[in-house]
Structure formats: C-alpha cells, structure tokens
C-alpha cells in the first residue's frame, strides 16, 4: 500500500484568497499580459456595503449581502480562463468567486488545501446533488458562484453544449446569470499546449461580459431548463465572436488556436464530438480517461 500525505484542509480564508488573486496579478504584470474588457456595464453593481457600519476595511474583499448573489458562467477553452474571470470580478468589486471544483482536484495533496482555503464548492464523484444544494445556499446568501457550463475544455474553441446546472441554480436562487466569454487565454495553456513564456509575453486576452440573463426569464427549476441553457450558450458564443473580432493579434493560416471554421487548426465540431465521446461522459465529478 502506497503512502499518502495527510489530508490537511484549512478553513476558508479571506487573506488566502487575496494572496492568490494578487499572485495572479503579479504574474500578469510579469508577462505584461494585456487584458481587454468589454461589457463591464453588465457586471453586478457594487452593493451598499460601503455604507454599512460593519463594512470591510479598504483592501479587503467584497462583503457578501443576501439578495446580491449571481451565477457567473465562464467559457472554457483553456486552463487559465477561470483566473481571468476571477481577476475581472476582483477588479470590479473585489468579489470572491466560489468555483465548482471536481473532487479529484479537492483530493490532490497540493491543490486540495488551496481549494479548501479559497472556499470553493467541491463536486463529488456521485451525482453532485450535495454541491448543487451548497451552491444554491451560497447564492441565496449573496455570493458569486462561478460555473464552467461546458463541463470541460472545448477543443474546437467554440462554445459547445452546456450543462443545465447554471440555469437551474440561478432559477432556484432567484439570481441573474452573468455570461463571461474569454478569448485568447487558451493560447497561454490548454490541452496539448503547455504554458509557454514566449507565447505569454505581452499576450492579449479578450474578456466580454454579456447581457445578464435575469431571474424573471429563467424557468421554474422543476421545468425544462434546456431552452434557457441554449440561450446561455448562444450568449457565450456571441461574446467569443466579439473577442475574436478585435483581438490585437493576427493569426497565421492554420493557427492551432483558431477554430476550424475560420481557417484555424483546431478540430472541427465533428472531430470535437468524436474526441469528447472517446473521453467518456461529462457528469459532475466524473473521472476522465
């Protein structure tokens, strides 16, 4: 039987979260990555926490206020998309976003303590019902829950079919969905393309915040969530199209990081579906082969 290090899981810490975010900001400065944002007007308005007697001191994180939660739906083309979404909300109102993290990452000896200290929601290997309930509870409390609705990296670099979890959570908690499309971060690191300092140096990353999907337009959680989920996917793809249109970088013909439909070297949709099927089903906490 192999030895495993003890499972240490610290309590969520505002100080640790700020340390992680500031580390990311420092790396962005080190590589001079250019982050270009459009659609900021669609982000949640800062709450009245500055007027409250127990408001947090300057430099600390956003105060969580019941009724001011949101689901932040983020595209997933690369392994650093989440970091740029997190950076965006931190710039906006110092929000701590709680991501849905797989059990495999939470069990990792190195990543596990960081997942716990950052206060993320862990999706178990089973149905994920416990994580769903925990996420809804946090949304009702006023937190931001970040979801990658594609449930895995899209190899075609177009938004693929989304899972219904984002819509169902937002509908049940009565909060908006904020669509965040990120284009260019996949050039830094994604499947079969590890991190390259050369590619990262002064690399442009485009973030587009789409128009929120408001609670009044969402279905009853017990009803079919597919139409609203399809709308979310279309909104996310529109944000990607906006980002591609004015990214200050001209790809060479056949560039691996461009979609096949635009002359790039990424897999076509048919190839992407075949590769996804070979990986196995996308379900909450599923182990990928």
Foldseek 3Di string as FASTA:
>chain_A
DDDDDDQDADAADQVLLLVVLVVVVVVCVVQVEAEAEAAPVQDQDQDPLVVDPPRDDPPTARDAAFPAEEEEAEAAAFDCRVSVVQNVVCVRGRAQEAEEAFVVQLPDRPSVRVNNHSPHQYQYQPQSPVSLVVLLVVRRRRHYYYYHQQLDHQQLLAQDQGDLSNLLSCLVNQHKYKYKAKPFVVQQGHPPHHGDSVCSRHTYMYIYIFHIDGNVNGDRSVDDRRVVSVVSSVRRRVRNVVCVVDRPDDDDQQDSRHHVVVRHVGDHPVVSVVVVVVQPDRGGNHDTD
